[in-house]
Amino acid sequence: MQVMIDLCVIPLGVGTSVSVYVTACQRVLQAAGLSHQMHAYGTNIEGDWDEVFAAVKRCHEVVHELGAVRISSSMRIGTRTDREQTIDDKINSVKSKLIES
């Protein structure tokens, strides 16, 4: 099953800046070969359910390995069975409607 998620991994007790941890998670997603787009407060990820969730697990492992003893993550998860759809498809659909207006 294909899935699209919005993931926000928040290491707790590591100070104000979390860019080192975000970078580590981005490297995990790149290594997994998953299509993803980082945004200001998280990352959209798409792919096979098992591969995406294995990468989420690996993000947690890597952030813990970097010294964060506690992590709070939030995810929004979407699936559909009527047709294939990518992150870009969703964004382009809204952009085209903005142009029409």
PDB file of N, CA and C in Angstrom:
ATOM      1  N   MET A   1       0.843  -1.178   0.000  1.00  0.00           N
ATOM      2  CA  MET A   1       0.000   0.000   0.000  1.00  0.00           C
ATOM      3  C   MET A   1       0.886   1.238   0.000  1.00  0.00           C
ATOM      4  N   GLN A   2       0.532   2.198  -0.850  1.00  0.00           N
ATOM      5  CA  GLN A   2       1.240   3.473  -0.894  1.00  0.00           C
ATOM      6  C   GLN A   2       0.695   4.393   0.201  1.00  0.00           C
ATOM      7  N   VAL A   3       1.586   5.201   0.768  1.00  0.00           N
ATOM      8  CA  VAL A   3       1.200   6.105   1.841  1.00  0.00           C
ATOM      9  C   VAL A   3       1.899   7.443   1.649  1.00  0.00           C
ATOM     10  N   MET A   4       1.246   8.475   2.118  1.00  0.00           N
ATOM     11  CA  MET A   4       1.819   9.810   2.153  1.00  0.00           C
ATOM     12  C   MET A   4       1.698  10.275   3.598  1.00  0.00           C
ATOM     13  N   ILE A   5       2.815  10.717   4.186  1.00  0.00           N
ATOM     14  CA  ILE A   5       2.759  11.174   5.576  1.00  0.00           C
ATOM     15  C   ILE A   5       3.380  12.562   5.698  1.00  0.00           C
ATOM     16  N   ASP A   6       2.979  13.250   6.737  1.00  0.00           N
ATOM     17  CA  ASP A   6       3.626  14.482   7.145  1.00  0.00           C
ATOM     18  C   ASP A   6       4.230  14.181   8.505  1.00  0.00           C
ATOM     19  N   LEU A   7       5.542  14.204   8.600  1.00  0.00           N
ATOM     20  CA  LEU A   7       6.262  13.806   9.807  1.00  0.00           C
ATOM     21  C   LEU A   7       6.958  14.994  10.436  1.00  0.00           C
ATOM     22  N   CYS A   8       6.812  15.116  11.748  1.00  0.00           N
ATOM     23  CA  CYS A   8       7.541  16.117  12.526  1.00  0.00           C
ATOM     24  C   CYS A   8       8.166  15.397  13.719  1.00  0.00           C
ATOM     25  N   VAL A   9       9.487  15.309  13.734  1.00  0.00           N
ATOM     26  CA  VAL A   9      10.234  14.650  14.807  1.00  0.00           C
ATOM     27  C   VAL A   9      10.817  15.740  15.696  1.00  0.00           C
ATOM     28  N   ILE A  10      10.480  15.697  16.981  1.00  0.00           N
ATOM     29  CA  ILE A  10      10.920  16.731  17.908  1.00  0.00           C
ATOM     30  C   ILE A  10      11.736  16.110  19.042  1.00  0.00           C
ATOM     31  N   PRO A  11      13.064  16.278  18.986  1.00  0.00           N
ATOM     32  CA  PRO A  11      13.890  15.804  20.102  1.00  0.00           C
ATOM     33  C   PRO A  11      13.714  16.754  21.284  1.00  0.00           C
ATOM     34  N   LEU A  12      13.518  16.210  22.450  1.00  0.00           N
ATOM     35  CA  LEU A  12      13.291  17.026  23.648  1.00  0.00           C
ATOM     36  C   LEU A  12      14.561  17.115  24.487  1.00  0.00           C
ATOM     37  N   GLY A  13      14.749  18.251  25.102  1.00  0.00           N
ATOM     38  CA  GLY A  13      15.872  18.442  26.010  1.00  0.00           C
ATOM     39  C   GLY A  13      17.213  18.627  25.325  1.00  0.00           C
ATOM     40  N   VAL A  14      17.193  19.065  24.049  1.00  0.00           N
ATOM     41  CA  VAL A  14      18.449  19.203  23.303  1.00  0.00           C
ATOM     42  C   VAL A  14      18.806  20.657  23.018  1.00  0.00           C
ATOM     43  N   GLY A  15      18.031  21.582  23.530  1.00  0.00           N
ATOM     44  CA  GLY A  15      18.279  22.988  23.269  1.00  0.00           C
ATOM     45  C   GLY A  15      17.310  23.539  22.241  1.00  0.00           C
ATOM     46  N   THR A  16      17.535  24.756  21.855  1.00  0.00           N
ATOM     47  CA  THR A  16      16.622  25.464  20.966  1.00  0.00           C
ATOM     48  C   THR A  16      16.706  24.995  19.520  1.00  0.00           C
ATOM     49  N   SER A  17      17.900  24.842  18.994  1.00  0.00           N
ATOM     50  CA  SER A  17      18.070  24.457  17.593  1.00  0.00           C
ATOM     51  C   SER A  17      18.005  22.934  17.439  1.00  0.00           C
ATOM     52  N   VAL A  18      17.271  22.500  16.441  1.00  0.00           N
ATOM     53  CA  VAL A  18      17.161  21.052  16.176  1.00  0.00           C
ATOM     54  C   VAL A  18      17.647  20.703  14.768  1.00  0.00           C
ATOM     55  N   SER A  19      18.328  21.623  14.104  1.00  0.00           N
ATOM     56  CA  SER A  19      18.724  21.389  12.715  1.00  0.00           C
ATOM     57  C   SER A  19      19.653  20.185  12.545  1.00  0.00           C
ATOM     58  N   VAL A  20      20.480  19.893  13.527  1.00  0.00           N
ATOM     59  CA  VAL A  20      21.356  18.713  13.452  1.00  0.00           C
ATOM     60  C   VAL A  20      20.515  17.436  13.371  1.00  0.00           C
ATOM     61  N   TYR A  21      19.445  17.398  14.121  1.00  0.00           N
ATOM     62  CA  TYR A  21      18.573  16.221  14.154  1.00  0.00           C
ATOM     63  C   TYR A  21      17.723  16.127  12.889  1.00  0.00           C
ATOM     64  N   VAL A  22      17.254  17.264  12.412  1.00  0.00           N
ATOM     65  CA  VAL A  22      16.492  17.301  11.158  1.00  0.00           C
ATOM     66  C   VAL A  22      17.382  16.824  10.014  1.00  0.00           C
ATOM     67  N   THR A  23      18.620  17.288   9.991  1.00  0.00           N
ATOM     68  CA  THR A  23      19.568  16.871   8.956  1.00  0.00           C
ATOM     69  C   THR A  23      19.769  15.357   8.995  1.00  0.00           C
ATOM     70  N   ALA A  24      19.897  14.808  10.183  1.00  0.00           N
ATOM     71  CA  ALA A  24      20.083  13.357  10.314  1.00  0.00           C
ATOM     72  C   ALA A  24      18.882  12.600   9.757  1.00  0.00           C
ATOM     73  N   CYS A  25      17.683  13.075  10.028  1.00  0.00           N
ATOM     74  CA  CYS A  25      16.479  12.418   9.497  1.00  0.00           C
ATOM     75  C   CYS A  25      16.396  12.560   7.981  1.00  0.00           C
ATOM     76  N   GLN A  26      16.782  13.722   7.461  1.00  0.00           N
ATOM     77  CA  GLN A  26      16.787  13.901   6.007  1.00  0.00           C
ATOM     78  C   GLN A  26      17.747  12.912   5.350  1.00  0.00           C
ATOM     79  N   ARG A  27      18.866  12.676   5.985  1.00  0.00           N
ATOM     80  CA  ARG A  27      19.828  11.686   5.453  1.00  0.00           C
ATOM     81  C   ARG A  27      19.235  10.278   5.470  1.00  0.00           C
ATOM     82  N   VAL A  28      18.479   9.965   6.492  1.00  0.00           N
ATOM     83  CA  VAL A  28      17.802   8.660   6.560  1.00  0.00           C
ATOM     84  C   VAL A  28      16.849   8.507   5.376  1.00  0.00           C
ATOM     85  N   LEU A  29      16.064   9.541   5.110  1.00  0.00           N
ATOM     86  CA  LEU A  29      15.089   9.491   4.013  1.00  0.00           C
ATOM     87  C   LEU A  29      15.787   9.387   2.662  1.00  0.00           C
ATOM     88  N   GLN A  30      16.896  10.108   2.503  1.00  0.00           N
ATOM     89  CA  GLN A  30      17.662  10.014   1.258  1.00  0.00           C
ATOM     90  C   GLN A  30      18.215   8.606   1.073  1.00  0.00           C
ATOM     91  N   ALA A  31      18.774   8.048   2.138  1.00  0.00           N
ATOM     92  CA  ALA A  31      19.346   6.699   2.060  1.00  0.00           C
ATOM     93  C   ALA A  31      18.284   5.653   1.748  1.00  0.00           C
ATOM     94  N   ALA A  32      17.056   5.901   2.230  1.00  0.00           N
ATOM     95  CA  ALA A  32      15.950   4.968   1.985  1.00  0.00           C
ATOM     96  C   ALA A  32      15.416   5.097   0.562  1.00  0.00           C
ATOM     97  N   GLY A  33      15.815   6.158  -0.130  1.00  0.00           N
ATOM     98  CA  GLY A  33      15.350   6.371  -1.494  1.00  0.00           C
ATOM     99  C   GLY A  33      13.897   6.790  -1.596  1.00  0.00           C
ATOM    100  N   LEU A  34      13.377   7.373  -0.518  1.00  0.00           N
ATOM    101  CA  LEU A  34      11.974   7.787  -0.497  1.00  0.00           C
ATOM    102  C   LEU A  34      11.817   9.201  -1.036  1.00  0.00           C
ATOM    103  N   SER A  35      10.728   9.419  -1.756  1.00  0.00           N
ATOM    104  CA  SER A  35      10.390  10.759  -2.212  1.00  0.00           C
ATOM    105  C   SER A  35       9.944  11.556  -0.989  1.00  0.00           C
ATOM    106  N   HIS A  36      10.543  12.738  -0.791  1.00  0.00           N
ATOM    107  CA  HIS A  36      10.201  13.542   0.380  1.00  0.00           C
ATOM    108  C   HIS A  36      10.455  15.015   0.102  1.00  0.00           C
ATOM    109  N   GLN A  37       9.736  15.853   0.828  1.00  0.00           N
ATOM    110  CA  GLN A  37       9.896  17.299   0.727  1.00  0.00           C
ATOM    111  C   GLN A  37       9.876  17.890   2.126  1.00  0.00           C
ATOM    112  N   MET A  38      10.989  18.480   2.514  1.00  0.00           N
ATOM    113  CA  MET A  38      11.068  19.128   3.813  1.00  0.00           C
ATOM    114  C   MET A  38      10.329  20.467   3.737  1.00  0.00           C
ATOM    115  N   HIS A  39       9.689  20.841   4.832  1.00  0.00           N
ATOM    116  CA  HIS A  39       9.095  22.169   4.945  1.00  0.00           C
ATOM    117  C   HIS A  39       9.455  22.714   6.317  1.00  0.00           C
ATOM    118  N   ALA A  40       9.006  23.879   6.651  1.00  0.00           N
ATOM    119  CA  ALA A  40       9.474  24.575   7.854  1.00  0.00           C
ATOM    120  C   ALA A  40       9.214  23.814   9.154  1.00  0.00           C
ATOM    121  N   TYR A  41       8.171  23.011   9.196  1.00  0.00           N
ATOM    122  CA  TYR A  41       7.834  22.309  10.441  1.00  0.00           C
ATOM    123  C   TYR A  41       7.642  20.813  10.248  1.00  0.00           C
ATOM    124  N   GLY A  42       8.409  20.230   9.338  1.00  0.00           N
ATOM    125  CA  GLY A  42       8.311  18.795   9.142  1.00  0.00           C
ATOM    126  C   GLY A  42       8.722  18.396   7.743  1.00  0.00           C
ATOM    127  N   THR A  43       8.330  17.173   7.378  1.00  0.00           N
ATOM    128  CA  THR A  43       8.671  16.621   6.076  1.00  0.00           C
ATOM    129  C   THR A  43       7.515  15.784   5.558  1.00  0.00           C
ATOM    130  N   ASN A  44       7.154  16.001   4.300  1.00  0.00           N
ATOM    131  CA  ASN A  44       6.199  15.125   3.623  1.00  0.00           C
ATOM    132  C   ASN A  44       6.990  13.981   3.012  1.00  0.00           C
ATOM    133  N   ILE A  45       6.496  12.768   3.197  1.00  0.00           N
ATOM    134  CA  ILE A  45       7.176  11.569   2.696  1.00  0.00           C
ATOM    135  C   ILE A  45       6.140  10.698   2.002  1.00  0.00           C
ATOM    136  N   GLU A  46       6.525  10.110   0.860  1.00  0.00           N
ATOM    137  CA  GLU A  46       5.613   9.203   0.175  1.00  0.00           C
ATOM    138  C   GLU A  46       6.361   7.945  -0.233  1.00  0.00           C
ATOM    139  N   GLY A  47       5.608   6.849  -0.289  1.00  0.00           N
ATOM    140  CA  GLY A  47       6.201   5.588  -0.717  1.00  0.00           C
ATOM    141  C   GLY A  47       5.410   4.411  -0.188  1.00  0.00           C
ATOM    142  N   ASP A  48       6.022   3.245  -0.287  1.00  0.00           N
ATOM    143  CA  ASP A  48       5.416   2.022   0.233  1.00  0.00           C
ATOM    144  C   ASP A  48       5.286   2.122   1.756  1.00  0.00           C
ATOM    145  N   TRP A  49       4.137   1.715   2.279  1.00  0.00           N
ATOM    146  CA  TRP A  49       3.848   1.805   3.719  1.00  0.00           C
ATOM    147  C   TRP A  49       5.008   1.290   4.571  1.00  0.00           C
ATOM    148  N   ASP A  50       5.450   0.066   4.313  1.00  0.00           N
ATOM    149  CA  ASP A  50       6.484  -0.539   5.150  1.00  0.00           C
ATOM    150  C   ASP A  50       7.810   0.216   5.057  1.00  0.00           C
ATOM    151  N   GLU A  51       8.152   0.694   3.863  1.00  0.00           N
ATOM    152  CA  GLU A  51       9.399   1.435   3.693  1.00  0.00           C
ATOM    153  C   GLU A  51       9.341   2.792   4.397  1.00  0.00           C
ATOM    154  N   VAL A  52       8.215   3.463   4.304  1.00  0.00           N
ATOM    155  CA  VAL A  52       8.064   4.767   4.957  1.00  0.00           C
ATOM    156  C   VAL A  52       8.148   4.617   6.469  1.00  0.00           C
ATOM    157  N   PHE A  53       7.434   3.628   7.015  1.00  0.00           N
ATOM    158  CA  PHE A  53       7.441   3.481   8.471  1.00  0.00           C
ATOM    159  C   PHE A  53       8.758   2.928   8.992  1.00  0.00           C
ATOM    160  N   ALA A  54       9.474   2.164   8.176  1.00  0.00           N
ATOM    161  CA  ALA A  54      10.823   1.734   8.564  1.00  0.00           C
ATOM    162  C   ALA A  54      11.742   2.952   8.647  1.00  0.00           C
ATOM    163  N   ALA A  55      11.574   3.899   7.728  1.00  0.00           N
ATOM    164  CA  ALA A  55      12.379   5.120   7.758  1.00  0.00           C
ATOM    165  C   ALA A  55      12.036   5.988   8.968  1.00  0.00           C
ATOM    166  N   VAL A  56      10.760   6.058   9.325  1.00  0.00           N
ATOM    167  CA  VAL A  56      10.352   6.806  10.524  1.00  0.00           C
ATOM    168  C   VAL A  56      11.026   6.197  11.755  1.00  0.00           C
ATOM    169  N   LYS A  57      11.000   4.878  11.834  1.00  0.00           N
ATOM    170  CA  LYS A  57      11.659   4.193  12.954  1.00  0.00           C
ATOM    171  C   LYS A  57      13.149   4.509  12.969  1.00  0.00           C
ATOM    172  N   ARG A  58      13.770   4.479  11.785  1.00  0.00           N
ATOM    173  CA  ARG A  58      15.201   4.757  11.698  1.00  0.00           C
ATOM    174  C   ARG A  58      15.513   6.203  12.090  1.00  0.00           C
ATOM    175  N   CYS A  59      14.635   7.135  11.731  1.00  0.00           N
ATOM    176  CA  CYS A  59      14.817   8.526  12.171  1.00  0.00           C
ATOM    177  C   CYS A  59      14.880   8.600  13.692  1.00  0.00           C
ATOM    178  N   HIS A  60      13.964   7.896  14.356  1.00  0.00           N
ATOM    179  CA  HIS A  60      13.976   7.894  15.817  1.00  0.00           C
ATOM    180  C   HIS A  60      15.279   7.296  16.344  1.00  0.00           C
ATOM    181  N   GLU A  61      15.700   6.191  15.753  1.00  0.00           N
ATOM    182  CA  GLU A  61      16.939   5.551  16.207  1.00  0.00           C
ATOM    183  C   GLU A  61      18.129   6.494  16.062  1.00  0.00           C
ATOM    184  N   VAL A  62      18.224   7.170  14.929  1.00  0.00           N
ATOM    185  CA  VAL A  62      19.354   8.064  14.665  1.00  0.00           C
ATOM    186  C   VAL A  62      19.335   9.267  15.607  1.00  0.00           C
ATOM    187  N   VAL A  63      18.169   9.828  15.841  1.00  0.00           N
ATOM    188  CA  VAL A  63      18.079  10.972  16.755  1.00  0.00           C
ATOM    189  C   VAL A  63      18.462  10.552  18.176  1.00  0.00           C
ATOM    190  N   HIS A  64      18.054   9.365  18.592  1.00  0.00           N
ATOM    191  CA  HIS A  64      18.486   8.853  19.899  1.00  0.00           C
ATOM    192  C   HIS A  64      20.003   8.661  19.921  1.00  0.00           C
ATOM    193  N   GLU A  65      20.554   8.122  18.825  1.00  0.00           N
ATOM    194  CA  GLU A  65      22.005   7.907  18.752  1.00  0.00           C
ATOM    195  C   GLU A  65      22.777   9.225  18.854  1.00  0.00           C
ATOM    196  N   LEU A  66      22.149  10.309  18.424  1.00  0.00           N
ATOM    197  CA  LEU A  66      22.789  11.629  18.520  1.00  0.00           C
ATOM    198  C   LEU A  66      22.680  12.240  19.914  1.00  0.00           C
ATOM    199  N   GLY A  67      22.028  11.531  20.835  1.00  0.00           N
ATOM    200  CA  GLY A  67      21.997  11.987  22.218  1.00  0.00           C
ATOM    201  C   GLY A  67      20.659  12.436  22.764  1.00  0.00           C
ATOM    202  N   ALA A  68      19.638  12.495  21.926  1.00  0.00           N
ATOM    203  CA  ALA A  68      18.312  12.873  22.435  1.00  0.00           C
ATOM    204  C   ALA A  68      17.732  11.671  23.189  1.00  0.00           C
ATOM    205  N   VAL A  69      17.444  11.873  24.464  1.00  0.00           N
ATOM    206  CA  VAL A  69      16.914  10.756  25.254  1.00  0.00           C
ATOM    207  C   VAL A  69      15.398  10.638  25.135  1.00  0.00           C
ATOM    208  N   ARG A  70      14.771  11.697  24.624  1.00  0.00           N
ATOM    209  CA  ARG A  70      13.317  11.683  24.470  1.00  0.00           C
ATOM    210  C   ARG A  70      12.949  12.354  23.155  1.00  0.00           C
ATOM    211  N   ILE A  71      11.990  11.760  22.444  1.00  0.00           N
ATOM    212  CA  ILE A  71      11.526  12.302  21.165  1.00  0.00           C
ATOM    213  C   ILE A  71      10.007  12.285  21.169  1.00  0.00           C
ATOM    214  N   SER A  72       9.430  13.375  20.705  1.00  0.00           N
ATOM    215  CA  SER A  72       7.991  13.436  20.491  1.00  0.00           C
ATOM    216  C   SER A  72       7.762  13.685  19.007  1.00  0.00           C
ATOM    217  N   SER A  73       7.069  12.778  18.346  1.00  0.00           N
ATOM    218  CA  SER A  73       6.809  12.934  16.912  1.00  0.00           C
ATOM    219  C   SER A  73       5.320  13.012  16.655  1.00  0.00           C
ATOM    220  N   SER A  74       4.974  13.754  15.612  1.00  0.00           N
ATOM    221  CA  SER A  74       3.588  13.771  15.160  1.00  0.00           C
ATOM    222  C   SER A  74       3.580  13.397  13.686  1.00  0.00           C
ATOM    223  N   MET A  75       2.508  12.700  13.294  1.00  0.00           N
ATOM    224  CA  MET A  75       2.360  12.272  11.918  1.00  0.00           C
ATOM    225  C   MET A  75       0.918  12.415  11.487  1.00  0.00           C
ATOM    226  N   ARG A  76       0.758  12.843  10.255  1.00  0.00           N
ATOM    227  CA  ARG A  76      -0.538  12.746   9.596  1.00  0.00           C
ATOM    228  C   ARG A  76      -0.327  11.779   8.460  1.00  0.00           C
ATOM    229  N   ILE A  77      -1.246  10.838   8.308  1.00  0.00           N
ATOM    230  CA  ILE A  77      -1.064   9.735   7.369  1.00  0.00           C
ATOM    231  C   ILE A  77      -2.233   9.705   6.405  1.00  0.00           C
ATOM    232  N   GLY A  78      -1.915   9.580   5.115  1.00  0.00           N
ATOM    233  CA  GLY A  78      -2.971   9.491   4.115  1.00  0.00           C
ATOM    234  C   GLY A  78      -2.722   8.353   3.146  1.00  0.00           C
ATOM    235  N   THR A  79      -3.792   7.641   2.845  1.00  0.00           N
ATOM    236  CA  THR A  79      -3.743   6.610   1.813  1.00  0.00           C
ATOM    237  C   THR A  79      -4.975   6.762   0.938  1.00  0.00           C
ATOM    238  N   ARG A  80      -4.881   6.262  -0.278  1.00  0.00           N
ATOM    239  CA  ARG A  80      -6.061   6.231  -1.138  1.00  0.00           C
ATOM    240  C   ARG A  80      -5.930   5.035  -2.071  1.00  0.00           C
ATOM    241  N   THR A  81      -7.069   4.497  -2.457  1.00  0.00           N
ATOM    242  CA  THR A  81      -7.077   3.305  -3.301  1.00  0.00           C
ATOM    243  C   THR A  81      -7.694   3.554  -4.671  1.00  0.00           C
ATOM    244  N   ASP A  82      -8.284   4.740  -4.884  1.00  0.00           N
ATOM    245  CA  ASP A  82      -8.961   4.992  -6.158  1.00  0.00           C
ATOM    246  C   ASP A  82      -7.999   5.349  -7.279  1.00  0.00           C
ATOM    247  N   ARG A  83      -6.827   5.907  -6.942  1.00  0.00           N
ATOM    248  CA  ARG A  83      -5.828   6.245  -7.955  1.00  0.00           C
ATOM    249  C   ARG A  83      -4.511   6.554  -7.275  1.00  0.00           C
ATOM    250  N   GLU A  84      -3.453   6.578  -8.086  1.00  0.00           N
ATOM    251  CA  GLU A  84      -2.147   6.965  -7.563  1.00  0.00           C
ATOM    252  C   GLU A  84      -2.067   8.481  -7.518  1.00  0.00           C
ATOM    253  N   GLN A  85      -1.433   8.996  -6.472  1.00  0.00           N
ATOM    254  CA  GLN A  85      -1.278  10.431  -6.328  1.00  0.00           C
ATOM    255  C   GLN A  85       0.023  10.710  -5.595  1.00  0.00           C
ATOM    256  N   THR A  86       0.755  11.717  -6.057  1.00  0.00           N
ATOM    257  CA  THR A  86       2.017  12.080  -5.421  1.00  0.00           C
ATOM    258  C   THR A  86       1.864  13.399  -4.663  1.00  0.00           C
ATOM    259  N   ILE A  87       2.874  13.727  -3.901  1.00  0.00           N
ATOM    260  CA  ILE A  87       2.913  15.017  -3.212  1.00  0.00           C
ATOM    261  C   ILE A  87       2.800  16.138  -4.241  1.00  0.00           C
ATOM    262  N   ASP A  88       3.573  16.028  -5.313  1.00  0.00           N
ATOM    263  CA  ASP A  88       3.541  17.053  -6.361  1.00  0.00           C
ATOM    264  C   ASP A  88       2.163  17.169  -6.997  1.00  0.00           C
ATOM    265  N   ASP A  89       1.474  16.035  -7.195  1.00  0.00           N
ATOM    266  CA  ASP A  89       0.117  16.083  -7.754  1.00  0.00           C
ATOM    267  C   ASP A  89      -0.796  16.938  -6.883  1.00  0.00           C
ATOM    268  N   LYS A  90      -0.707  16.742  -5.575  1.00  0.00           N
ATOM    269  CA  LYS A  90      -1.573  17.483  -4.653  1.00  0.00           C
ATOM    270  C   LYS A  90      -1.264  18.982  -4.686  1.00  0.00           C
ATOM    271  N   ILE A  91       0.018  19.313  -4.686  1.00  0.00           N
ATOM    272  CA  ILE A  91       0.419  20.715  -4.705  1.00  0.00           C
ATOM    273  C   ILE A  91       0.020  21.366  -6.028  1.00  0.00           C
ATOM    274  N   ASN A  92       0.282  20.677  -7.127  1.00  0.00           N
ATOM    275  CA  ASN A  92      -0.033  21.233  -8.450  1.00  0.00           C
ATOM    276  C   ASN A  92      -1.534  21.415  -8.654  1.00  0.00           C
ATOM    277  N   SER A  93      -2.339  20.569  -8.045  1.00  0.00           N
ATOM    278  CA  SER A  93      -3.798  20.717  -8.146  1.00  0.00           C
ATOM    279  C   SER A  93      -4.251  22.057  -7.556  1.00  0.00           C
ATOM    280  N   VAL A  94      -3.701  22.404  -6.411  1.00  0.00           N
ATOM    281  CA  VAL A  94      -4.057  23.672  -5.779  1.00  0.00           C
ATOM    282  C   VAL A  94      -3.472  24.846  -6.556  1.00  0.00           C
ATOM    283  N   LYS A  95      -2.234  24.721  -7.004  1.00  0.00           N
ATOM    284  CA  LYS A  95      -1.622  25.803  -7.787  1.00  0.00           C
ATOM    285  C   LYS A  95      -2.417  26.100  -9.045  1.00  0.00           C
ATOM    286  N   SER A  96      -2.908  25.065  -9.726  1.00  0.00           N
ATOM    287  CA  SER A  96      -3.673  25.291 -10.950  1.00  0.00           C
ATOM    288  C   SER A  96      -4.989  26.008 -10.650  1.00  0.00           C
ATOM    289  N   LYS A  97      -5.587  25.714  -9.521  1.00  0.00           N
ATOM    290  CA  LYS A  97      -6.826  26.391  -9.135  1.00  0.00           C
ATOM    291  C   LYS A  97      -6.573  27.849  -8.773  1.00  0.00           C
ATOM    292  N   LEU A  98      -5.409  28.139  -8.203  1.00  0.00           N
ATOM    293  CA  LEU A  98      -5.056  29.524  -7.892  1.00  0.00           C
ATOM    294  C   LEU A  98      -4.901  30.344  -9.177  1.00  0.00           C
ATOM    295  N   ILE A  99      -4.348  29.743 -10.204  1.00  0.00           N
ATOM    296  CA  ILE A  99      -4.167  30.426 -11.490  1.00  0.00           C
ATOM    297  C   ILE A  99      -5.514  30.693 -12.142  1.00  0.00           C
ATOM    298  N   GLU A 100      -6.444  29.740 -12.001  1.00  0.00           N
ATOM    299  CA  GLU A 100      -7.775  29.880 -12.615  1.00  0.00           C
ATOM    300  C   GLU A 100      -8.582  31.017 -11.989  1.00  0.00           C
ATOM    301  N   SER A 101      -8.311  31.315 -10.763  1.00  0.00           N
ATOM    302  CA  SER A 101      -9.122  32.322 -10.051  1.00  0.00           C
ATOM    303  C   SER A 101      -8.850  33.728 -10.477  1.00  0.00           C
TER     304      SER A 101
END
